[in-house]
Amino acid sequence: MTTATGQAAPLDLETMRACAERLLMRDAVEPSLAELGTLTLQLRGHILVAFPEVEAAVRALPEDAVPRTVASSASRRRACG
């Protein structure tokens, strides 16, 4: 996501956490099928929005850094569908 100036908009970490906590809390209530579908789409959207920021951070790491290798592998999987 970009702003009107063409810069990346900051990630909405509060919303991302709230969405994930909805499913991961110890006392979480099982969502209905419709809610589960909505939450799945939201979580996928959060991941897609985060990818460019993560990729930029990873590029700053040394080439032999394990986090860079893991992120590069995940990026290739994403590209392959």
C-alpha atoms as a PDB file:
ATOM      1  CA  MET A   1       0.000   0.000   0.000  1.00  0.00           C
ATOM      2  CA  THR A   2       1.340   3.436  -0.858  1.00  0.00           C
ATOM      3  CA  THR A   3       0.430   6.956   0.179  1.00  0.00           C
ATOM      4  CA  ALA A   4      -0.462   9.783  -2.204  1.00  0.00           C
ATOM      5  CA  THR A   5       3.244  10.719  -2.278  1.00  0.00           C
ATOM      6  CA  GLY A   6       4.185   7.243  -3.486  1.00  0.00           C
ATOM      7  CA  GLN A   7       5.787   6.190  -0.209  1.00  0.00           C
ATOM      8  CA  ALA A   8       4.831   2.977   1.549  1.00  0.00           C
ATOM      9  CA  ALA A   9       2.148   3.467   4.165  1.00  0.00           C
ATOM     10  CA  PRO A  10       3.120   2.288   7.633  1.00  0.00           C
ATOM     11  CA  LEU A  11       1.858  -1.140   8.624  1.00  0.00           C
ATOM     12  CA  ASP A  12      -1.217  -1.101  10.861  1.00  0.00           C
ATOM     13  CA  LEU A  13       0.260  -3.390  13.513  1.00  0.00           C
ATOM     14  CA  GLU A  14      -2.593  -2.810  15.949  1.00  0.00           C
ATOM     15  CA  THR A  15      -5.149  -4.105  13.450  1.00  0.00           C
ATOM     16  CA  MET A  16      -2.874  -6.989  12.426  1.00  0.00           C
ATOM     17  CA  ARG A  17      -2.454  -8.077  16.050  1.00  0.00           C
ATOM     18  CA  ALA A  18      -6.167  -7.763  16.805  1.00  0.00           C
ATOM     19  CA  CYS A  19      -7.025  -9.936  13.810  1.00  0.00           C
ATOM     20  CA  ALA A  20      -4.510 -12.626  14.779  1.00  0.00           C
ATOM     21  CA  GLU A  21      -5.465 -12.527  18.474  1.00  0.00           C
ATOM     22  CA  ARG A  22      -9.100 -13.118  17.499  1.00  0.00           C
ATOM     23  CA  LEU A  23      -8.056 -16.653  16.544  1.00  0.00           C
ATOM     24  CA  LEU A  24      -5.057 -17.284  18.795  1.00  0.00           C
ATOM     25  CA  MET A  25      -6.290 -16.231  22.233  1.00  0.00           C
ATOM     26  CA  ARG A  26      -6.490 -19.031  24.782  1.00  0.00           C
ATOM     27  CA  ASP A  27     -10.210 -18.367  25.325  1.00  0.00           C
ATOM     28  CA  ALA A  28     -10.994 -17.674  21.657  1.00  0.00           C
ATOM     29  CA  VAL A  29     -14.497 -18.478  20.507  1.00  0.00           C
ATOM     30  CA  GLU A  30     -14.615 -20.584  17.357  1.00  0.00           C
ATOM     31  CA  PRO A  31     -15.675 -18.299  14.493  1.00  0.00           C
ATOM     32  CA  SER A  32     -18.538 -19.119  12.186  1.00  0.00           C
ATOM     33  CA  LEU A  33     -17.648 -20.181   8.651  1.00  0.00           C
ATOM     34  CA  ALA A  34     -18.421 -16.679   7.379  1.00  0.00           C
ATOM     35  CA  GLU A  35     -16.264 -15.085  10.096  1.00  0.00           C
ATOM     36  CA  LEU A  36     -13.470 -17.561   9.391  1.00  0.00           C
ATOM     37  CA  GLY A  37     -13.551 -16.658   5.710  1.00  0.00           C
ATOM     38  CA  THR A  38     -13.356 -12.951   6.546  1.00  0.00           C
ATOM     39  CA  LEU A  39     -10.514 -13.468   9.026  1.00  0.00           C
ATOM     40  CA  THR A  40      -8.615 -15.589   6.512  1.00  0.00           C
ATOM     41  CA  LEU A  41      -8.865 -12.852   3.893  1.00  0.00           C
ATOM     42  CA  GLN A  42      -7.800 -10.220   6.422  1.00  0.00           C
ATOM     43  CA  LEU A  43      -4.761 -12.222   7.536  1.00  0.00           C
ATOM     44  CA  ARG A  44      -3.726 -12.913   3.944  1.00  0.00           C
ATOM     45  CA  GLY A  45      -4.077  -9.217   3.185  1.00  0.00           C
ATOM     46  CA  HIS A  46      -1.906  -8.309   6.161  1.00  0.00           C
ATOM     47  CA  ILE A  47       0.793 -10.680   4.942  1.00  0.00           C
ATOM     48  CA  LEU A  48       0.698  -9.284   1.404  1.00  0.00           C
ATOM     49  CA  VAL A  49       0.972  -5.723   2.706  1.00  0.00           C
ATOM     50  CA  ALA A  50       3.894  -6.678   4.984  1.00  0.00           C
ATOM     51  CA  PHE A  51       5.910  -8.513   2.304  1.00  0.00           C
ATOM     52  CA  PRO A  52       7.500  -5.427   0.675  1.00  0.00           C
ATOM     53  CA  GLU A  53       8.556  -4.026   4.048  1.00  0.00           C
ATOM     54  CA  VAL A  54      10.042  -7.345   5.150  1.00  0.00           C
ATOM     55  CA  GLU A  55      11.823  -7.792   1.820  1.00  0.00           C
ATOM     56  CA  ALA A  56      13.355  -4.306   2.109  1.00  0.00           C
ATOM     57  CA  ALA A  57      14.577  -5.030   5.646  1.00  0.00           C
ATOM     58  CA  VAL A  58      16.014  -8.374   4.575  1.00  0.00           C
ATOM     59  CA  ARG A  59      17.981  -6.820   1.709  1.00  0.00           C
ATOM     60  CA  ALA A  60      19.899  -4.823   4.317  1.00  0.00           C
ATOM     61  CA  LEU A  61      21.164  -8.040   5.964  1.00  0.00           C
ATOM     62  CA  PRO A  62      24.393  -9.789   4.946  1.00  0.00           C
ATOM     63  CA  GLU A  63      23.854 -12.292   2.127  1.00  0.00           C
ATOM     64  CA  ASP A  64      24.757 -15.255   4.351  1.00  0.00           C
ATOM     65  CA  ALA A  65      22.390 -14.229   7.193  1.00  0.00           C
ATOM     66  CA  VAL A  66      19.869 -16.940   8.070  1.00  0.00           C
ATOM     67  CA  PRO A  67      16.880 -14.531   8.245  1.00  0.00           C
ATOM     68  CA  ARG A  68      17.708 -13.336   4.735  1.00  0.00           C
ATOM     69  CA  THR A  69      17.828 -16.921   3.452  1.00  0.00           C
ATOM     70  CA  VAL A  70      14.498 -17.784   5.108  1.00  0.00           C
ATOM     71  CA  ALA A  71      12.791 -14.641   3.838  1.00  0.00           C
ATOM     72  CA  SER A  72      14.157 -15.176   0.326  1.00  0.00           C
ATOM     73  CA  SER A  73      12.798 -18.717   0.350  1.00  0.00           C
ATOM     74  CA  ALA A  74       9.374 -17.484   1.486  1.00  0.00           C
ATOM     75  CA  SER A  75       9.420 -14.815  -1.210  1.00  0.00           C
ATOM     76  CA  ARG A  76      10.155 -17.428  -3.886  1.00  0.00           C
ATOM     77  CA  ARG A  77       7.277 -19.586  -2.613  1.00  0.00           C
ATOM     78  CA  ARG A  78       4.997 -16.560  -2.755  1.00  0.00           C
ATOM     79  CA  ALA A  79       6.011 -15.883  -6.340  1.00  0.00           C
ATOM     80  CA  CYS A  80       5.286 -19.488  -7.304  1.00  0.00           C
ATOM     81  CA  GLY A  81       1.759 -19.278  -5.961  1.00  0.00           C
END
